[in-house]
Amino acid sequence: PGYTGPGPVIPGGCADLTPEIGITGTPVIDRATG
């Protein structure tokens, strides 16, 4: 609220990940320790 820059002001949020944001990056597995 009240942000004026630098950069764009996006009041409705980023719809790049919808409808929710949780786990996005691929996990990784250590086979040696399971």
Full PDB file with SEQRES, HELIX, SHEET, SSBOND, CRYST1, ORIGX, SCALE, CONECT and MASTER records, all heavy atoms in Angstrom:
SEQRES   1 A   34  PRO GLY TYR THR GLY PRO GLY PRO VAL ILE PRO GLY GLY          
SEQRES   2 A   34  CYS ALA ASP LEU THR PRO GLU ILE GLY ILE THR GLY THR          
SEQRES   3 A   34  PRO VAL ILE ASP ARG ALA THR GLY                              
CRYST1    1.000    1.000    1.000  90.00  90.00  90.00 P 1           1          
ORIGX1      1.000000  0.000000  0.000000        0.00000                         
ORIGX2      0.000000  1.000000  0.000000        0.00000                         
ORIGX3      0.000000  0.000000  1.000000        0.00000                         
SCALE1      1.000000  0.000000  0.000000        0.00000                         
SCALE2      0.000000  1.000000  0.000000        0.00000                         
SCALE3      0.000000  0.000000  1.000000        0.00000                         
ATOM      1  N   PRO A   1       0.831  -1.213   0.000  1.00  0.00           N  
ATOM      2  CA  PRO A   1       0.000   0.000   0.000  1.00  0.00           C  
ATOM      3  C   PRO A   1       0.861   1.258   0.000  1.00  0.00           C  
ATOM      4  O   PRO A   1       1.825   1.361   0.759  1.00  0.00           O  
ATOM      5  CB  PRO A   1      -0.802  -0.133   1.299  1.00  0.00           C  
ATOM      6  CG  PRO A   1      -0.816  -1.597   1.590  1.00  0.00           C  
ATOM      7  CD  PRO A   1       0.498  -2.121   1.108  1.00  0.00           C  
ATOM      8  N   GLY A   2       0.537   2.177  -0.889  1.00  0.00           N  
ATOM      9  CA  GLY A   2       1.279   3.425  -0.968  1.00  0.00           C  
ATOM     10  C   GLY A   2       2.563   3.350  -1.751  1.00  0.00           C  
ATOM     11  O   GLY A   2       3.263   4.364  -1.904  1.00  0.00           O  
ATOM     12  N   TYR A   3       2.898   2.170  -2.293  1.00  0.00           N  
ATOM     13  CA  TYR A   3       4.148   2.032  -3.055  1.00  0.00           C  
ATOM     14  C   TYR A   3       4.043   2.801  -4.368  1.00  0.00           C  
ATOM     15  O   TYR A   3       3.065   2.674  -5.103  1.00  0.00           O  
ATOM     16  CB  TYR A   3       4.431   0.558  -3.335  1.00  0.00           C  
ATOM     17  CG  TYR A   3       5.748   0.308  -4.039  1.00  0.00           C  
ATOM     18  CD1 TYR A   3       6.945   0.338  -3.329  1.00  0.00           C  
ATOM     19  CD2 TYR A   3       5.800   0.054  -5.402  1.00  0.00           C  
ATOM     20  CE1 TYR A   3       8.151   0.099  -3.963  1.00  0.00           C  
ATOM     21  CE2 TYR A   3       7.008  -0.179  -6.042  1.00  0.00           C  
ATOM     22  CZ  TYR A   3       8.176  -0.148  -5.317  1.00  0.00           C  
ATOM     23  OH  TYR A   3       9.380  -0.379  -5.945  1.00  0.00           O  
ATOM     24  N   THR A   4       5.057   3.590  -4.672  1.00  0.00           N  
ATOM     25  CA  THR A   4       5.050   4.417  -5.887  1.00  0.00           C  
ATOM     26  C   THR A   4       6.218   4.118  -6.820  1.00  0.00           C  
ATOM     27  O   THR A   4       6.367   4.766  -7.844  1.00  0.00           O  
ATOM     28  CB  THR A   4       5.067   5.910  -5.516  1.00  0.00           C  
ATOM     29  OG1 THR A   4       6.237   6.179  -4.735  1.00  0.00           O  
ATOM     30  CG2 THR A   4       3.817   6.287  -4.728  1.00  0.00           C  
ATOM     31  N   GLY A   5       7.050   3.171  -6.495  1.00  0.00           N  
ATOM     32  CA  GLY A   5       8.183   2.847  -7.360  1.00  0.00           C  
ATOM     33  C   GLY A   5       9.476   2.772  -6.563  1.00  0.00           C  
ATOM     34  O   GLY A   5       9.488   3.018  -5.358  1.00  0.00           O  
ATOM     35  N   PRO A   6      10.570   2.399  -7.223  1.00  0.00           N  
ATOM     36  CA  PRO A   6      10.690   2.157  -8.674  1.00  0.00           C  
ATOM     37  C   PRO A   6       9.976   0.886  -9.104  1.00  0.00           C  
ATOM     38  O   PRO A   6       9.681   0.022  -8.291  1.00  0.00           O  
ATOM     39  CB  PRO A   6      12.204   2.026  -8.858  1.00  0.00           C  
ATOM     40  CG  PRO A   6      12.710   1.513  -7.541  1.00  0.00           C  
ATOM     41  CD  PRO A   6      11.846   2.166  -6.506  1.00  0.00           C  
ATOM     42  N   GLY A   7       9.703   0.829 -10.414  1.00  0.00           N  
ATOM     43  CA  GLY A   7       9.039  -0.328 -10.959  1.00  0.00           C  
ATOM     44  C   GLY A   7       7.537  -0.172 -10.975  1.00  0.00           C  
ATOM     45  O   GLY A   7       6.980   0.781 -10.431  1.00  0.00           O  
ATOM     46  N   PRO A   8       6.841  -1.136 -11.605  1.00  0.00           N  
ATOM     47  CA  PRO A   8       5.395  -1.042 -11.744  1.00  0.00           C  
ATOM     48  C   PRO A   8       4.676  -1.260 -10.416  1.00  0.00           C  
ATOM     49  O   PRO A   8       5.199  -1.910  -9.508  1.00  0.00           O  
ATOM     50  CB  PRO A   8       5.076  -2.163 -12.727  1.00  0.00           C  
ATOM     51  CG  PRO A   8       6.167  -3.165 -12.524  1.00  0.00           C  
ATOM     52  CD  PRO A   8       7.387  -2.356 -12.232  1.00  0.00           C  
ATOM     53  N   VAL A   9       3.473  -0.718 -10.323  1.00  0.00           N  
ATOM     54  CA  VAL A   9       2.605  -0.945  -9.178  1.00  0.00           C  
ATOM     55  C   VAL A   9       1.522  -1.924  -9.625  1.00  0.00           C  
ATOM     56  O   VAL A   9       0.799  -1.672 -10.584  1.00  0.00           O  
ATOM     57  CB  VAL A   9       1.977   0.370  -8.676  1.00  0.00           C  
ATOM     58  CG1 VAL A   9       1.016   0.092  -7.536  1.00  0.00           C  
ATOM     59  CG2 VAL A   9       3.069   1.341  -8.242  1.00  0.00           C  
ATOM     60  N   ILE A  10       1.426  -3.060  -8.954  1.00  0.00           N  
ATOM     61  CA  ILE A  10       0.472  -4.111  -9.327  1.00  0.00           C  
ATOM     62  C   ILE A  10      -0.431  -4.354  -8.120  1.00  0.00           C  
ATOM     63  O   ILE A  10      -0.121  -5.170  -7.241  1.00  0.00           O  
ATOM     64  CB  ILE A  10       1.201  -5.395  -9.759  1.00  0.00           C  
ATOM     65  CG1 ILE A  10       2.179  -5.087 -10.896  1.00  0.00           C  
ATOM     66  CG2 ILE A  10       0.208  -6.461 -10.202  1.00  0.00           C  
ATOM     67  CD1 ILE A  10       2.980  -6.271 -11.383  1.00  0.00           C  
ATOM     68  N   PRO A  11      -1.559  -3.635  -8.050  1.00  0.00           N  
ATOM     69  CA  PRO A  11      -2.395  -3.714  -6.844  1.00  0.00           C  
ATOM     70  C   PRO A  11      -3.128  -5.035  -6.685  1.00  0.00           C  
ATOM     71  O   PRO A  11      -3.492  -5.407  -5.554  1.00  0.00           O  
ATOM     72  CB  PRO A  11      -3.381  -2.560  -7.041  1.00  0.00           C  
ATOM     73  CG  PRO A  11      -3.443  -2.339  -8.508  1.00  0.00           C  
ATOM     74  CD  PRO A  11      -2.069  -2.659  -9.025  1.00  0.00           C  
ATOM     75  N   GLY A  12      -3.360  -5.773  -7.776  1.00  0.00           N  
ATOM     76  CA  GLY A  12      -4.118  -7.015  -7.664  1.00  0.00           C  
ATOM     77  C   GLY A  12      -3.278  -8.249  -7.421  1.00  0.00           C  
ATOM     78  O   GLY A  12      -3.811  -9.358  -7.340  1.00  0.00           O  
ATOM     79  N   GLY A  13      -1.985  -8.084  -7.308  1.00  0.00           N  
ATOM     80  CA  GLY A  13      -1.109  -9.218  -7.107  1.00  0.00           C  
ATOM     81  C   GLY A  13      -0.661  -9.844  -8.411  1.00  0.00           C  
ATOM     82  O   GLY A  13      -1.183  -9.539  -9.483  1.00  0.00           O  
ATOM     83  N   CYS A  14       0.313 -10.730  -8.338  1.00  0.00           N  
ATOM     84  CA  CYS A  14       0.885 -11.391  -9.514  1.00  0.00           C  
ATOM     85  C   CYS A  14       0.106 -12.667  -9.802  1.00  0.00           C  
ATOM     86  O   CYS A  14       0.092 -13.592  -8.978  1.00  0.00           O  
ATOM     87  CB  CYS A  14       2.355 -11.710  -9.276  1.00  0.00           C  
ATOM     88  SG  CYS A  14       3.142 -12.582 -10.648  1.00  0.00           S  
ATOM     89  N   ALA A  15      -0.519 -12.732 -10.970  1.00  0.00           N  
ATOM     90  CA  ALA A  15      -1.299 -13.900 -11.364  1.00  0.00           C  
ATOM     91  C   ALA A  15      -0.453 -14.920 -12.119  1.00  0.00           C  
ATOM     92  O   ALA A  15      -0.994 -15.767 -12.837  1.00  0.00           O  
ATOM     93  CB  ALA A  15      -2.482 -13.465 -12.215  1.00  0.00           C  
ATOM     94  N   ASP A  16       0.850 -14.836 -11.960  1.00  0.00           N  
ATOM     95  CA  ASP A  16       1.751 -15.753 -12.647  1.00  0.00           C  
ATOM     96  C   ASP A  16       1.584 -17.178 -12.121  1.00  0.00           C  
ATOM     97  O   ASP A  16       1.664 -18.143 -12.865  1.00  0.00           O  
ATOM     98  CB  ASP A  16       3.187 -15.270 -12.466  1.00  0.00           C  
ATOM     99  CG  ASP A  16       4.146 -15.952 -13.426  1.00  0.00           C  
ATOM    100  OD1 ASP A  16       3.754 -16.181 -14.576  1.00  0.00           O  
ATOM    101  OD2 ASP A  16       5.276 -16.248 -13.023  1.00  0.00           O  
ATOM    102  N   LEU A  17       1.407 -17.323 -10.822  1.00  0.00           N  
ATOM    103  CA  LEU A  17       1.138 -18.614 -10.187  1.00  0.00           C  
ATOM    104  C   LEU A  17      -0.250 -18.537  -9.568  1.00  0.00           C  
ATOM    105  O   LEU A  17      -0.456 -17.812  -8.589  1.00  0.00           O  
ATOM    106  CB  LEU A  17       2.181 -18.929  -9.107  1.00  0.00           C  
ATOM    107  CG  LEU A  17       3.631 -19.095  -9.570  1.00  0.00           C  
ATOM    108  CD1 LEU A  17       4.553 -19.232  -8.365  1.00  0.00           C  
ATOM    109  CD2 LEU A  17       3.780 -20.309 -10.479  1.00  0.00           C  
ATOM    110  N   THR A  18      -1.196 -19.254 -10.130  1.00  0.00           N  
ATOM    111  CA  THR A  18      -2.564 -19.228  -9.627  1.00  0.00           C  
ATOM    112  C   THR A  18      -3.062 -20.666  -9.480  1.00  0.00           C  
ATOM    113  O   THR A  18      -2.575 -21.569 -10.159  1.00  0.00           O  
ATOM    114  CB  THR A  18      -3.499 -18.468 -10.592  1.00  0.00           C  
ATOM    115  OG1 THR A  18      -3.446 -19.105 -11.870  1.00  0.00           O  
ATOM    116  CG2 THR A  18      -3.116 -17.008 -10.718  1.00  0.00           C  
ATOM    117  N   PRO A  19      -4.025 -20.914  -8.616  1.00  0.00           N  
ATOM    118  CA  PRO A  19      -4.717 -19.980  -7.724  1.00  0.00           C  
ATOM    119  C   PRO A  19      -4.006 -19.773  -6.384  1.00  0.00           C  
ATOM    120  O   PRO A  19      -4.452 -18.984  -5.563  1.00  0.00           O  
ATOM    121  CB  PRO A  19      -6.061 -20.689  -7.506  1.00  0.00           C  
ATOM    122  CG  PRO A  19      -5.715 -22.139  -7.571  1.00  0.00           C  
ATOM    123  CD  PRO A  19      -4.638 -22.259  -8.604  1.00  0.00           C  
ATOM    124  N   GLU A  20      -2.906 -20.503  -6.173  1.00  0.00           N  
ATOM    125  CA  GLU A  20      -2.220 -20.429  -4.890  1.00  0.00           C  
ATOM    126  C   GLU A  20      -0.739 -20.660  -5.104  1.00  0.00           C  
ATOM    127  O   GLU A  20      -0.302 -21.181  -6.127  1.00  0.00           O  
ATOM    128  CB  GLU A  20      -2.779 -21.491  -3.932  1.00  0.00           C  
ATOM    129  CG  GLU A  20      -2.637 -22.916  -4.471  1.00  0.00           C  
ATOM    130  CD  GLU A  20      -3.326 -23.967  -3.622  1.00  0.00           C  
ATOM    131  OE1 GLU A  20      -3.653 -23.668  -2.455  1.00  0.00           O  
ATOM    132  OE2 GLU A  20      -3.540 -25.094  -4.121  1.00  0.00           O  
ATOM    133  N   ILE A  21       0.048 -20.248  -4.116  1.00  0.00           N  
ATOM    134  CA  ILE A  21       1.500 -20.404  -4.167  1.00  0.00           C  
ATOM    135  C   ILE A  21       1.929 -21.289  -3.008  1.00  0.00           C  
ATOM    136  O   ILE A  21       1.619 -20.994  -1.840  1.00  0.00           O  
ATOM    137  CB  ILE A  21       2.210 -19.046  -4.084  1.00  0.00           C  
ATOM    138  CG1 ILE A  21       1.704 -18.112  -5.190  1.00  0.00           C  
ATOM    139  CG2 ILE A  21       3.722 -19.217  -4.191  1.00  0.00           C  
ATOM    140  CD1 ILE A  21       2.105 -16.666  -4.997  1.00  0.00           C  
ATOM    141  N   GLY A  22       2.607 -22.375  -3.321  1.00  0.00           N  
ATOM    142  CA  GLY A  22       3.068 -23.306  -2.295  1.00  0.00           C  
ATOM    143  C   GLY A  22       4.442 -23.836  -2.626  1.00  0.00           C  
ATOM    144  O   GLY A  22       5.456 -23.192  -2.400  1.00  0.00           O  
ATOM    145  N   ILE A  23       4.499 -25.036  -3.246  1.00  0.00           N  
ATOM    146  CA  ILE A  23       5.765 -25.611  -3.706  1.00  0.00           C  
ATOM    147  C   ILE A  23       5.850 -25.395  -5.210  1.00  0.00           C  
ATOM    148  O   ILE A  23       5.027 -25.909  -5.963  1.00  0.00           O  
ATOM    149  CB  ILE A  23       5.854 -27.107  -3.384  1.00  0.00           C  
ATOM    150  CG1 ILE A  23       5.761 -27.340  -1.881  1.00  0.00           C  
ATOM    151  CG2 ILE A  23       7.167 -27.687  -3.930  1.00  0.00           C  
ATOM    152  CD1 ILE A  23       5.619 -28.811  -1.506  1.00  0.00           C  
ATOM    153  N   THR A  24       6.832 -24.619  -5.637  1.00  0.00           N  
ATOM    154  CA  THR A  24       7.006 -24.320  -7.059  1.00  0.00           C  
ATOM    155  C   THR A  24       8.294 -24.941  -7.599  1.00  0.00           C  
ATOM    156  O   THR A  24       8.289 -25.595  -8.633  1.00  0.00           O  
ATOM    157  CB  THR A  24       7.014 -22.797  -7.289  1.00  0.00           C  
ATOM    158  OG1 THR A  24       5.864 -22.213  -6.682  1.00  0.00           O  
ATOM    159  CG2 THR A  24       7.001 -22.474  -8.775  1.00  0.00           C  
ATOM    160  N   GLY A  25       9.410 -24.738  -6.920  1.00  0.00           N  
ATOM    161  CA  GLY A  25      10.687 -25.302  -7.372  1.00  0.00           C  
ATOM    162  C   GLY A  25      10.734 -26.807  -7.188  1.00  0.00           C  
ATOM    163  O   GLY A  25      10.241 -27.351  -6.186  1.00  0.00           O  
ATOM    164  N   THR A  26      11.329 -27.503  -8.144  1.00  0.00           N  
ATOM    165  CA  THR A  26      11.460 -28.965  -8.065  1.00  0.00           C  
ATOM    166  C   THR A  26      12.329 -29.364  -6.872  1.00  0.00           C  
ATOM    167  O   THR A  26      13.426 -28.829  -6.695  1.00  0.00           O  
ATOM    168  CB  THR A  26      12.074 -29.513  -9.360  1.00  0.00           C  
ATOM    169  OG1 THR A  26      11.216 -29.193 -10.459  1.00  0.00           O  
ATOM    170  CG2 THR A  26      12.261 -31.019  -9.298  1.00  0.00           C  
ATOM    171  N   PRO A  27      11.859 -30.314  -6.044  1.00  0.00           N  
ATOM    172  CA  PRO A  27      12.686 -30.793  -4.923  1.00  0.00           C  
ATOM    173  C   PRO A  27      13.935 -31.511  -5.425  1.00  0.00           C  
ATOM    174  O   PRO A  27      14.146 -31.680  -6.639  1.00  0.00           O  
ATOM    175  CB  PRO A  27      11.745 -31.761  -4.188  1.00  0.00           C  
ATOM    176  CG  PRO A  27      10.368 -31.432  -4.667  1.00  0.00           C  
ATOM    177  CD  PRO A  27      10.530 -30.936  -6.079  1.00  0.00           C  
ATOM    178  N   VAL A  28      14.743 -31.975  -4.502  1.00  0.00           N  
ATOM    179  CA  VAL A  28      15.929 -32.763  -4.837  1.00  0.00           C  
ATOM    180  C   VAL A  28      16.037 -33.885  -3.815  1.00  0.00           C  
ATOM    181  O   VAL A  28      15.626 -33.740  -2.660  1.00  0.00           O  
ATOM    182  CB  VAL A  28      17.202 -31.885  -4.853  1.00  0.00           C  
ATOM    183  CG1 VAL A  28      17.549 -31.365  -3.463  1.00  0.00           C  
ATOM    184  CG2 VAL A  28      18.379 -32.634  -5.460  1.00  0.00           C  
ATOM    185  N   ILE A  29      16.574 -35.042  -4.242  1.00  0.00           N  
ATOM    186  CA  ILE A  29      16.650 -36.225  -3.394  1.00  0.00           C  
ATOM    187  C   ILE A  29      18.097 -36.655  -3.216  1.00  0.00           C  
ATOM    188  O   ILE A  29      18.859 -36.733  -4.188  1.00  0.00           O  
ATOM    189  CB  ILE A  29      15.827 -37.385  -3.990  1.00  0.00           C  
ATOM    190  CG1 ILE A  29      14.326 -37.020  -4.004  1.00  0.00           C  
ATOM    191  CG2 ILE A  29      16.048 -38.675  -3.215  1.00  0.00           C  
ATOM    192  CD1 ILE A  29      13.458 -38.023  -4.719  1.00  0.00           C  
ATOM    193  N   ASP A  30      18.457 -36.942  -1.977  1.00  0.00           N  
ATOM    194  CA  ASP A  30      19.762 -37.535  -1.655  1.00  0.00           C  
ATOM    195  C   ASP A  30      19.556 -39.037  -1.552  1.00  0.00           C  
ATOM    196  O   ASP A  30      18.967 -39.525  -0.583  1.00  0.00           O  
ATOM    197  CB  ASP A  30      20.290 -36.964  -0.342  1.00  0.00           C  
ATOM    198  CG  ASP A  30      21.686 -37.461  -0.007  1.00  0.00           C  
ATOM    199  OD1 ASP A  30      22.162 -38.403  -0.667  1.00  0.00           O  
ATOM    200  OD2 ASP A  30      22.297 -36.912   0.930  1.00  0.00           O  
ATOM    201  N   ARG A  31      20.018 -39.785  -2.550  1.00  0.00           N  
ATOM    202  CA  ARG A  31      19.809 -41.225  -2.559  1.00  0.00           C  
ATOM    203  C   ARG A  31      20.552 -41.893  -1.403  1.00  0.00           C  
ATOM    204  O   ARG A  31      20.064 -42.877  -0.820  1.00  0.00           O  
ATOM    205  CB  ARG A  31      20.297 -41.788  -3.900  1.00  0.00           C  
ATOM    206  CG  ARG A  31      20.220 -43.304  -4.002  1.00  0.00           C  
ATOM    207  CD  ARG A  31      18.791 -43.754  -4.206  1.00  0.00           C  
ATOM    208  NE  ARG A  31      18.550 -45.116  -3.792  1.00  0.00           N  
ATOM    209  CZ  ARG A  31      17.854 -46.002  -4.487  1.00  0.00           C  
ATOM    210  NH1 ARG A  31      17.340 -45.675  -5.642  1.00  0.00           N  
ATOM    211  NH2 ARG A  31      17.651 -47.207  -4.030  1.00  0.00           N  
ATOM    212  N   ALA A  32      21.731 -41.384  -1.063  1.00  0.00           N  
ATOM    213  CA  ALA A  32      22.559 -42.024  -0.041  1.00  0.00           C  
ATOM    214  C   ALA A  32      21.875 -42.032   1.318  1.00  0.00           C  
ATOM    215  O   ALA A  32      21.976 -43.003   2.075  1.00  0.00           O  
ATOM    216  CB  ALA A  32      23.912 -41.320   0.050  1.00  0.00           C  
ATOM    217  N   THR A  33      21.158 -40.967   1.651  1.00  0.00           N  
ATOM    218  CA  THR A  33      20.495 -40.886   2.952  1.00  0.00           C  
ATOM    219  C   THR A  33      18.990 -41.116   2.865  1.00  0.00           C  
ATOM    220  O   THR A  33      18.311 -41.146   3.888  1.00  0.00           O  
ATOM    221  CB  THR A  33      20.738 -39.507   3.594  1.00  0.00           C  
ATOM    222  OG1 THR A  33      20.137 -38.483   2.778  1.00  0.00           O  
ATOM    223  CG2 THR A  33      22.223 -39.231   3.736  1.00  0.00           C  
ATOM    224  N   GLY A  34      18.470 -41.268   1.644  1.00  0.00           N  
ATOM    225  CA  GLY A  34      17.032 -41.463   1.488  1.00  0.00           C  
ATOM    226  C   GLY A  34      16.235 -40.255   1.925  1.00  0.00           C  
ATOM    227  O   GLY A  34      15.186 -40.392   2.560  1.00  0.00           O  
TER     228      GLY A  34                                                      
MASTER        0    0    0    0    0    0    0    6  227    1    0    3          
END                                                                             
